[in-house]
Amino acid sequence: MSDAAVAAVAVFLSVSVGAVIYFLLRGELKRVEEKTEGTESRINDLMRNVERMEPEKIREDFSVLSTSTNEGLKRVEEKTESRINDLMRNVERMEPEKMRKEIEEENDRKLQATSRHLSEENKSRESRTVKLAEERAEEIAKETVKLHSVANKDFKRLKEAVEKLGGRMDVEERIEKISTLFNPSPRVLLWQCKLVHLLMRGGGLAPDVEEEALRREGIPIGEGRKFLGRLRERGFVETKNIFCYNLSPEHLWLLEYTKDLEWLREQLEEYSKKRVERDYQKYIRENIGVVEEGLIVVDEEYAVPSGRIDILSRDKEGREMILELKYPKPNSDVVGQLLKYREDLKKKIGREEVRTVLVAPVVPQKIMDSLGQHEIEWREVKWSG
């Protein structure tokens, strides 16, 4: 809760306490007035009967009235003061700081609950969208085949490609799962893919009794057994007995992914490159001072019309700085990319003074020259990984 909110709570409590005290005093004063009116009435009676009364008797009556009135006022004052003290003690026990903390915690709980609800709703919507996209993609593929009279063999290959790719998010998640199992080296990847397809023969694959079949396929016996063991540990295959391996039903998609060796190799290499780039970006973010002292990270993957800026930072002079990270080295396209980012950011923040910096372990001389022509800075930041 902000200081202004705390102040507002304090003012509210003060007004409430004042109102309570006012109504208490008002009631007591009303009772005093009633007593006073009764006293005045008795005084008038005494004055009318003064001639009939002895002076000593009159003084005695006045003394009794005066004493009674003074004692009543004194009791009213004592009660009022006691109630005011009680109210002030209650206000002190309220502890405004504790109240502020409790209110903030309650707000945080509500925000977290709302965030979880929105996250679940987004996941459900995303799943429905991917499914609809897959269905629509297959329909388009079929229509395309009809229009261009594609042969049955080509149609089957096209359909398999659509089903395999499906939603792009599914591909990325699945490639991430198998990236630590498959080796992108063409020679190794070839026998690994063959071994996966052997799992679907008849009752599965029993490597202990099918060594000859493995050799015919060019699968090394020792490495093949180790690969099967890793697949089993990750849940890709199941063993009906200690000798036979079968591909698990929930991982049948692996057959499609291992049909096209070149496609799978490209996917594994692309994932490996992206993973290393993410690790490099994490290193730069956590050690931003290696780029320049005094830098502050403002945002990551900052969206502008032409793309996303890897890291948006601010230098010690308060100027915005675009950091574009490339690993292991940039290509010539990076110059045009940075020029677009710079113009987009200038328009977005309404300021002309924007620094643009390329960060990479190695920056080729040709790219350095091109960057210099456009007043774009660069930093060579080494990273061992």
Protein backbone atom coordinates (compact mmCIF):
# COMPACT_ATOMS: atom_id res chain seq x y z
CA MET A 1 0.00 0.00 0.00
CA SER A 2 1.36 3.48 -0.86
CA ASP A 3 2.03 6.27 1.70
CA ALA A 4 -0.98 8.14 0.34
CA ALA A 5 -3.24 5.16 1.09
CA VAL A 6 -1.88 4.86 4.63
CA ALA A 7 -2.50 8.58 5.18
CA ALA A 8 -6.07 8.19 3.94
CA VAL A 9 -6.69 5.35 6.42
CA ALA A 10 -5.31 7.49 9.27
CA VAL A 11 -7.58 10.43 8.34
CA PHE A 12 -10.60 8.12 8.20
CA LEU A 13 -9.87 6.72 11.66
CA SER A 14 -9.39 10.24 13.11
CA VAL A 15 -12.73 11.45 11.70
CA SER A 16 -14.50 8.32 13.00
CA VAL A 17 -13.09 8.77 16.52
CA GLY A 18 -14.05 12.47 16.51
CA ALA A 19 -17.60 11.64 15.50
CA VAL A 20 -17.96 9.05 18.27
CA ILE A 21 -16.65 11.51 20.91
CA TYR A 22 -18.99 14.22 19.64
CA PHE A 23 -22.10 12.07 19.98
CA LEU A 24 -21.07 10.88 23.46
CA LEU A 25 -20.54 14.47 24.71
CA ARG A 26 -23.73 15.61 23.06
CA GLY A 27 -25.72 13.03 25.04
CA GLU A 28 -24.08 13.95 28.32
CA LEU A 29 -24.62 17.69 27.74
CA LYS A 30 -28.27 17.06 26.99
CA ARG A 31 -28.67 15.28 30.32
CA VAL A 32 -26.90 18.18 32.09
CA GLU A 33 -29.25 20.68 30.41
CA GLU A 34 -32.23 18.69 31.61
CA LYS A 35 -30.86 18.71 35.14
CA THR A 36 -30.16 22.45 34.84
CA GLU A 37 -33.71 23.12 33.72
CA GLY A 38 -34.95 21.21 36.77
CA THR A 39 -32.65 23.25 38.97
CA GLU A 40 -33.91 26.55 37.52
CA SER A 41 -37.47 25.42 38.16
CA ARG A 42 -36.67 24.69 41.78
CA ILE A 43 -34.92 28.06 42.12
CA ASN A 44 -38.02 29.85 40.79
CA ASP A 45 -40.17 27.94 43.26
CA LEU A 46 -37.83 28.97 46.02
CA MET A 47 -37.96 32.62 44.92
CA ARG A 48 -41.75 32.59 44.86
CA ASN A 49 -41.85 31.08 48.32
CA VAL A 50 -38.96 33.11 49.74
CA GLU A 51 -41.25 35.22 51.82
CA ARG A 52 -42.73 32.12 53.36
CA MET A 53 -39.38 30.51 54.12
CA GLU A 54 -36.74 31.31 56.62
CA PRO A 55 -33.39 32.57 55.19
CA GLU A 56 -31.43 29.68 56.70
CA LYS A 57 -33.71 27.18 55.02
CA ILE A 58 -33.21 28.92 51.64
CA ARG A 59 -29.42 28.83 51.96
CA GLU A 60 -29.56 25.16 52.86
CA ASP A 61 -31.66 24.34 49.78
CA PHE A 62 -29.31 26.32 47.52
CA SER A 63 -26.34 24.52 48.98
CA VAL A 64 -27.89 21.13 48.31
CA LEU A 65 -28.70 22.13 44.72
CA SER A 66 -25.21 23.48 44.07
CA THR A 67 -23.54 20.40 45.47
CA SER A 68 -25.76 18.07 43.41
CA THR A 69 -25.11 20.00 40.20
CA ASN A 70 -21.33 20.13 40.69
CA GLU A 71 -21.15 16.40 41.45
CA GLY A 72 -23.20 15.62 38.32
CA LEU A 73 -20.93 17.71 36.10
CA LYS A 74 -17.87 16.12 37.64
CA ARG A 75 -19.22 12.63 36.94
CA VAL A 76 -19.98 13.61 33.30
CA GLU A 77 -16.44 14.90 32.84
CA GLU A 78 -14.93 11.72 34.33
CA LYS A 79 -17.05 9.42 32.12
CA THR A 80 -16.27 11.45 28.99
CA GLU A 81 -12.54 11.46 29.69
CA SER A 82 -12.61 7.70 30.37
CA ARG A 83 -14.38 6.98 27.06
CA ILE A 84 -11.98 9.19 25.12
CA ASN A 85 -9.02 7.35 26.66
CA ASP A 86 -10.57 3.98 25.74
CA LEU A 87 -11.08 5.09 22.14
CA MET A 88 -7.50 6.36 21.85
CA ARG A 89 -6.14 3.07 23.20
CA ASN A 90 -8.23 1.17 20.63
CA VAL A 91 -6.86 3.37 17.83
CA GLU A 92 -3.29 2.71 18.97
CA ARG A 93 -3.93 -1.05 19.03
CA MET A 94 -5.10 -0.94 15.41
CA GLU A 95 -1.41 -0.64 14.27
CA PRO A 96 -1.72 1.09 10.84
CA GLU A 97 1.51 -0.54 9.59
CA LYS A 98 0.19 -4.01 10.37
CA MET A 99 -3.12 -3.16 8.68
CA ARG A 100 -1.24 -1.95 5.57
CA LYS A 101 0.76 -5.18 5.38
CA GLU A 102 -2.35 -7.36 5.77
CA ILE A 103 -4.15 -5.43 3.01
CA GLU A 104 -1.13 -5.81 0.66
CA GLU A 105 -0.95 -9.57 1.35
CA GLU A 106 -4.66 -9.94 0.60
CA ASN A 107 -4.23 -8.03 -2.68
CA ASP A 108 -1.27 -10.26 -3.64
CA ARG A 109 -3.34 -13.40 -3.00
CA LYS A 110 -6.15 -12.08 -5.20
CA LEU A 111 -3.70 -11.17 -8.00
CA GLN A 112 -2.06 -14.62 -7.89
CA ALA A 113 -5.45 -16.34 -8.06
CA THR A 114 -6.43 -14.18 -11.04
CA SER A 115 -3.10 -14.89 -12.77
CA ARG A 116 -3.51 -18.67 -12.35
CA HIS A 117 -7.02 -18.51 -13.77
CA LEU A 118 -5.88 -16.50 -16.81
CA SER A 119 -2.91 -18.83 -17.39
CA GLU A 120 -5.16 -21.92 -17.40
CA GLU A 121 -7.62 -20.19 -19.70
CA ASN A 122 -4.83 -19.16 -22.11
CA LYS A 123 -3.44 -22.72 -22.22
CA SER A 124 -6.88 -24.10 -23.04
CA ARG A 125 -7.41 -21.50 -25.76
CA GLU A 126 -3.93 -22.18 -27.19
CA SER A 127 -4.61 -25.93 -27.35
CA ARG A 128 -7.89 -25.37 -29.20
CA THR A 129 -6.19 -22.99 -31.64
CA VAL A 130 -3.41 -25.46 -32.45
CA LYS A 131 -5.92 -28.25 -33.03
CA LEU A 132 -7.99 -26.09 -35.37
CA ALA A 133 -4.82 -25.04 -37.22
CA GLU A 134 -3.82 -28.67 -37.74
CA GLU A 135 -7.25 -29.59 -39.05
CA ARG A 136 -7.29 -26.59 -41.37
CA ALA A 137 -3.75 -27.34 -42.61
CA GLU A 138 -4.75 -30.89 -43.53
CA GLU A 139 -7.82 -29.63 -45.38
CA ILE A 140 -5.68 -27.19 -47.37
CA ALA A 141 -3.19 -29.95 -48.17
CA LYS A 142 -5.96 -32.17 -49.50
CA GLU A 143 -7.41 -29.37 -51.63
CA THR A 144 -3.96 -28.53 -52.98
CA VAL A 145 -3.44 -32.16 -53.97
CA LYS A 146 -6.77 -32.26 -55.81
CA LEU A 147 -6.07 -29.03 -57.67
CA HIS A 148 -2.62 -30.08 -58.85
CA SER A 149 -3.34 -33.80 -59.45
CA VAL A 150 -0.59 -34.96 -57.09
CA ALA A 151 0.07 -38.70 -57.18
CA ASN A 152 -1.00 -40.89 -54.27
CA LYS A 153 2.60 -41.28 -53.05
CA ASP A 154 3.16 -37.50 -52.99
CA PHE A 155 -0.18 -36.93 -51.26
CA LYS A 156 0.75 -39.39 -48.50
CA ARG A 157 4.12 -37.68 -47.98
CA LEU A 158 2.47 -34.25 -47.83
CA LYS A 159 -0.16 -35.47 -45.36
CA GLU A 160 2.51 -36.99 -43.11
CA ALA A 161 4.46 -33.74 -43.14
CA VAL A 162 1.38 -31.76 -42.10
CA GLU A 163 0.58 -34.19 -39.30
CA LYS A 164 4.19 -34.24 -38.12
CA LEU A 165 4.57 -30.48 -38.03
CA GLY A 166 1.09 -29.72 -36.70
CA GLY A 167 1.48 -26.75 -34.36
CA ARG A 168 4.94 -25.22 -34.24
CA MET A 169 4.86 -25.25 -30.45
CA ASP A 170 4.45 -29.06 -30.44
CA VAL A 171 7.50 -29.45 -32.67
CA GLU A 172 9.68 -27.29 -30.41
CA GLU A 173 8.56 -29.12 -27.28
CA ARG A 174 9.19 -32.54 -28.83
CA ILE A 175 12.58 -31.59 -30.27
CA GLU A 176 13.54 -30.35 -26.82
CA LYS A 177 12.58 -33.75 -25.36
CA ILE A 178 14.69 -35.75 -27.81
CA SER A 179 17.60 -33.29 -28.14
CA THR A 180 19.57 -35.05 -25.38
CA LEU A 181 18.88 -38.50 -26.86
CA PHE A 182 19.66 -38.08 -30.55
CA ASN A 183 23.04 -37.10 -31.98
CA PRO A 184 22.82 -34.68 -34.96
CA SER A 185 25.93 -36.27 -36.50
CA PRO A 186 24.59 -37.83 -39.76
CA ARG A 187 26.27 -41.21 -39.22
CA VAL A 188 25.00 -41.64 -35.63
CA LEU A 189 21.58 -40.14 -36.33
CA LEU A 190 21.09 -42.62 -39.19
CA TRP A 191 21.42 -45.78 -37.05
CA GLN A 192 19.46 -44.17 -34.16
CA CYS A 193 16.49 -43.53 -36.48
CA LYS A 194 16.71 -47.08 -37.85
CA LEU A 195 16.68 -48.47 -34.32
CA VAL A 196 13.51 -46.52 -33.48
CA HIS A 197 11.69 -48.05 -36.46
CA LEU A 198 12.84 -51.55 -35.53
CA LEU A 199 10.90 -51.14 -32.26
CA MET A 200 7.64 -51.32 -34.24
CA ARG A 201 8.34 -54.69 -35.87
CA GLY A 202 6.06 -57.53 -34.76
CA GLY A 203 6.43 -57.99 -31.02
CA GLY A 204 9.10 -55.31 -30.64
CA LEU A 205 12.89 -55.52 -30.54
CA ALA A 206 14.90 -58.05 -28.52
CA PRO A 207 18.52 -56.92 -28.98
CA ASP A 208 19.98 -59.92 -27.16
CA VAL A 209 18.60 -62.34 -29.76
CA GLU A 210 18.57 -60.02 -32.79
CA GLU A 211 22.17 -58.91 -32.94
CA GLU A 212 22.51 -60.06 -36.53
CA ALA A 213 19.54 -57.94 -37.61
CA LEU A 214 21.08 -54.92 -35.85
CA ARG A 215 24.40 -55.45 -37.65
CA ARG A 216 22.65 -55.66 -41.04
CA GLU A 217 21.13 -52.24 -40.35
CA GLY A 218 24.54 -50.85 -39.41
CA ILE A 219 23.59 -50.41 -35.75
CA PRO A 220 26.51 -50.84 -33.29
CA ILE A 221 25.47 -53.42 -30.67
CA GLY A 222 26.96 -51.76 -27.59
CA GLU A 223 25.91 -48.20 -28.46
CA GLY A 224 22.49 -49.49 -29.57
CA ARG A 225 21.86 -51.07 -26.16
CA LYS A 226 22.88 -47.84 -24.41
CA PHE A 227 20.54 -45.83 -26.66
CA LEU A 228 17.65 -48.18 -25.87
CA GLY A 229 18.42 -47.80 -22.16
CA ARG A 230 18.22 -44.00 -22.41
CA LEU A 231 14.95 -44.22 -24.34
CA ARG A 232 13.51 -46.45 -21.60
CA GLU A 233 14.69 -44.12 -18.81
CA ARG A 234 12.95 -41.19 -20.51
CA GLY A 235 9.73 -43.16 -21.03
CA PHE A 236 9.93 -43.42 -24.83
CA VAL A 237 10.00 -47.22 -24.82
CA GLU A 238 8.58 -49.87 -22.52
CA THR A 239 9.68 -53.44 -21.90
CA LYS A 240 7.12 -56.23 -21.84
CA ASN A 241 9.85 -58.49 -20.51
CA ILE A 242 13.52 -58.00 -19.81
CA PHE A 243 14.46 -58.92 -23.40
CA CYS A 244 11.97 -57.03 -25.59
CA TYR A 245 11.56 -53.26 -26.19
CA ASN A 246 8.44 -51.54 -27.61
CA LEU A 247 7.80 -47.91 -28.46
CA SER A 248 5.28 -46.54 -25.94
CA PRO A 249 1.89 -45.52 -27.42
CA GLU A 250 2.13 -41.88 -26.28
CA HIS A 251 5.42 -41.51 -28.19
CA LEU A 252 4.36 -42.94 -31.55
CA TRP A 253 4.98 -39.48 -33.03
CA LEU A 254 8.69 -40.36 -32.81
CA LEU A 255 8.20 -42.61 -35.89
CA GLU A 256 7.21 -39.58 -37.98
CA TYR A 257 10.09 -37.50 -36.65
CA THR A 258 12.66 -40.17 -37.54
CA LYS A 259 11.46 -40.82 -41.09
CA ASP A 260 13.12 -37.76 -42.60
CA LEU A 261 16.76 -37.83 -41.44
CA GLU A 262 17.69 -34.45 -42.91
CA TRP A 263 14.69 -32.68 -41.40
CA LEU A 264 15.40 -34.13 -37.94
CA ARG A 265 19.08 -33.19 -38.14
CA GLU A 266 18.18 -29.59 -39.04
CA GLN A 267 15.69 -29.41 -36.18
CA LEU A 268 18.22 -30.72 -33.64
CA GLU A 269 20.92 -28.33 -34.82
CA GLU A 270 18.51 -25.37 -34.76
CA TYR A 271 17.38 -26.25 -31.24
CA SER A 272 20.99 -26.61 -30.08
CA LYS A 273 21.84 -23.21 -31.55
CA LYS A 274 18.85 -21.53 -29.89
CA ARG A 275 19.64 -23.15 -26.55
CA VAL A 276 23.22 -21.85 -26.67
CA GLU A 277 22.00 -18.39 -27.69
CA ARG A 278 19.59 -18.37 -24.72
CA ASP A 279 22.43 -19.36 -22.39
CA TYR A 280 24.62 -16.61 -23.86
CA GLN A 281 21.82 -14.07 -23.41
CA LYS A 282 21.36 -15.20 -19.80
CA TYR A 283 25.09 -14.74 -19.17
CA ILE A 284 25.06 -11.20 -20.62
CA ARG A 285 21.90 -10.28 -18.67
CA GLU A 286 23.33 -11.50 -15.36
CA ASN A 287 26.71 -9.86 -16.07
CA ILE A 288 25.57 -6.73 -17.91
CA GLY A 289 28.67 -4.86 -16.73
CA VAL A 290 30.84 -6.83 -19.19
CA VAL A 291 29.20 -4.82 -21.98
CA GLU A 292 29.61 -1.44 -20.26
CA GLU A 293 29.86 -0.27 -16.68
CA GLY A 294 26.77 1.37 -15.23
CA LEU A 295 24.27 -0.32 -17.55
CA ILE A 296 20.81 -1.19 -16.20
CA VAL A 297 18.58 -3.86 -17.76
CA VAL A 298 15.17 -2.30 -18.51
CA ASP A 299 13.47 -5.19 -20.34
CA GLU A 300 14.11 -8.37 -22.35
CA GLU A 301 12.55 -9.43 -25.65
CA TYR A 302 11.20 -5.87 -25.90
CA ALA A 303 8.61 -5.72 -28.68
CA VAL A 304 8.85 -3.13 -31.49
CA PRO A 305 7.10 -3.27 -34.89
CA SER A 306 10.11 -4.85 -36.65
CA GLY A 307 10.76 -7.57 -34.03
CA ARG A 308 11.97 -8.08 -30.48
CA ILE A 309 15.01 -6.38 -28.96
CA ASP A 310 17.08 -8.95 -27.03
CA ILE A 311 17.87 -6.59 -24.14
CA LEU A 312 16.69 -3.00 -23.71
CA SER A 313 19.01 -1.26 -21.26
CA ARG A 314 19.86 2.25 -20.02
CA ASP A 315 23.38 3.67 -19.65
CA LYS A 316 24.66 5.76 -16.75
CA GLU A 317 23.74 8.93 -18.68
CA GLY A 318 20.11 7.80 -18.82
CA ARG A 319 20.10 7.01 -22.55
CA GLU A 320 18.24 3.99 -23.92
CA MET A 321 20.54 1.31 -25.34
CA ILE A 322 19.56 -1.54 -27.68
CA LEU A 323 21.60 -4.72 -27.12
CA GLU A 324 21.37 -7.32 -29.89
CA LEU A 325 23.12 -10.59 -28.99
CA LYS A 326 24.54 -13.01 -31.58
CA TYR A 327 26.30 -16.31 -30.96
CA PRO A 328 28.85 -17.39 -32.05
CA LYS A 329 29.09 -14.54 -34.59
CA PRO A 330 26.68 -12.30 -36.53
CA ASN A 331 25.98 -12.32 -40.24
CA SER A 332 25.53 -9.29 -42.50
CA ASP A 333 21.74 -9.20 -41.95
CA VAL A 334 22.27 -7.87 -38.42
CA VAL A 335 23.00 -4.33 -39.66
CA GLY A 336 19.58 -3.90 -41.27
CA GLN A 337 17.93 -5.52 -38.27
CA LEU A 338 19.55 -3.06 -35.83
CA LEU A 339 18.70 -0.04 -38.02
CA LYS A 340 15.00 -1.04 -37.95
CA TYR A 341 15.09 -1.60 -34.19
CA ARG A 342 16.64 1.83 -33.64
CA GLU A 343 14.08 3.69 -35.73
CA ASP A 344 11.18 1.80 -34.14
CA LEU A 345 12.42 2.55 -30.61
CA LYS A 346 12.92 6.25 -31.37
CA LYS A 347 9.30 6.50 -32.50
CA LYS A 348 8.02 4.47 -29.57
CA ILE A 349 9.77 6.48 -26.80
CA GLY A 350 9.66 9.83 -28.61
CA ARG A 351 13.41 10.51 -28.30
CA GLU A 352 16.20 10.66 -30.88
CA GLU A 353 19.13 9.77 -28.64
CA VAL A 354 19.20 5.96 -28.73
CA ARG A 355 22.38 3.88 -28.60
CA THR A 356 22.55 0.62 -30.57
CA VAL A 357 25.09 -2.07 -29.69
CA LEU A 358 25.83 -5.49 -31.21
CA VAL A 359 27.22 -8.02 -28.71
CA ALA A 360 28.89 -11.26 -29.84
CA PRO A 361 31.94 -13.38 -29.00
CA VAL A 362 33.39 -12.51 -32.42
CA VAL A 363 32.49 -9.67 -34.82
CA PRO A 364 34.00 -10.03 -38.35
CA GLN A 365 35.88 -6.99 -39.67
CA LYS A 366 33.51 -6.57 -42.63
CA ILE A 367 30.54 -6.28 -40.27
CA MET A 368 32.48 -3.89 -38.01
CA ASP A 369 33.00 -1.57 -40.99
CA SER A 370 29.31 -1.70 -41.92
CA LEU A 371 28.23 -1.04 -38.33
CA GLY A 372 30.57 1.96 -38.09
CA GLN A 373 29.06 3.53 -41.21
CA HIS A 374 25.67 3.56 -39.48
CA GLU A 375 26.92 4.70 -36.04
CA ILE A 376 26.18 1.32 -34.47
CA GLU A 377 28.52 0.18 -31.70
CA TRP A 378 29.75 -3.37 -31.07
CA ARG A 379 31.28 -5.33 -28.20
CA GLU A 380 33.12 -8.61 -28.41
CA VAL A 381 32.24 -10.53 -25.23
CA LYS A 382 33.76 -13.96 -24.92
CA TRP A 383 31.86 -16.80 -23.28
CA SER A 384 33.03 -20.32 -22.56
CA GLY A 385 29.54 -21.79 -22.21
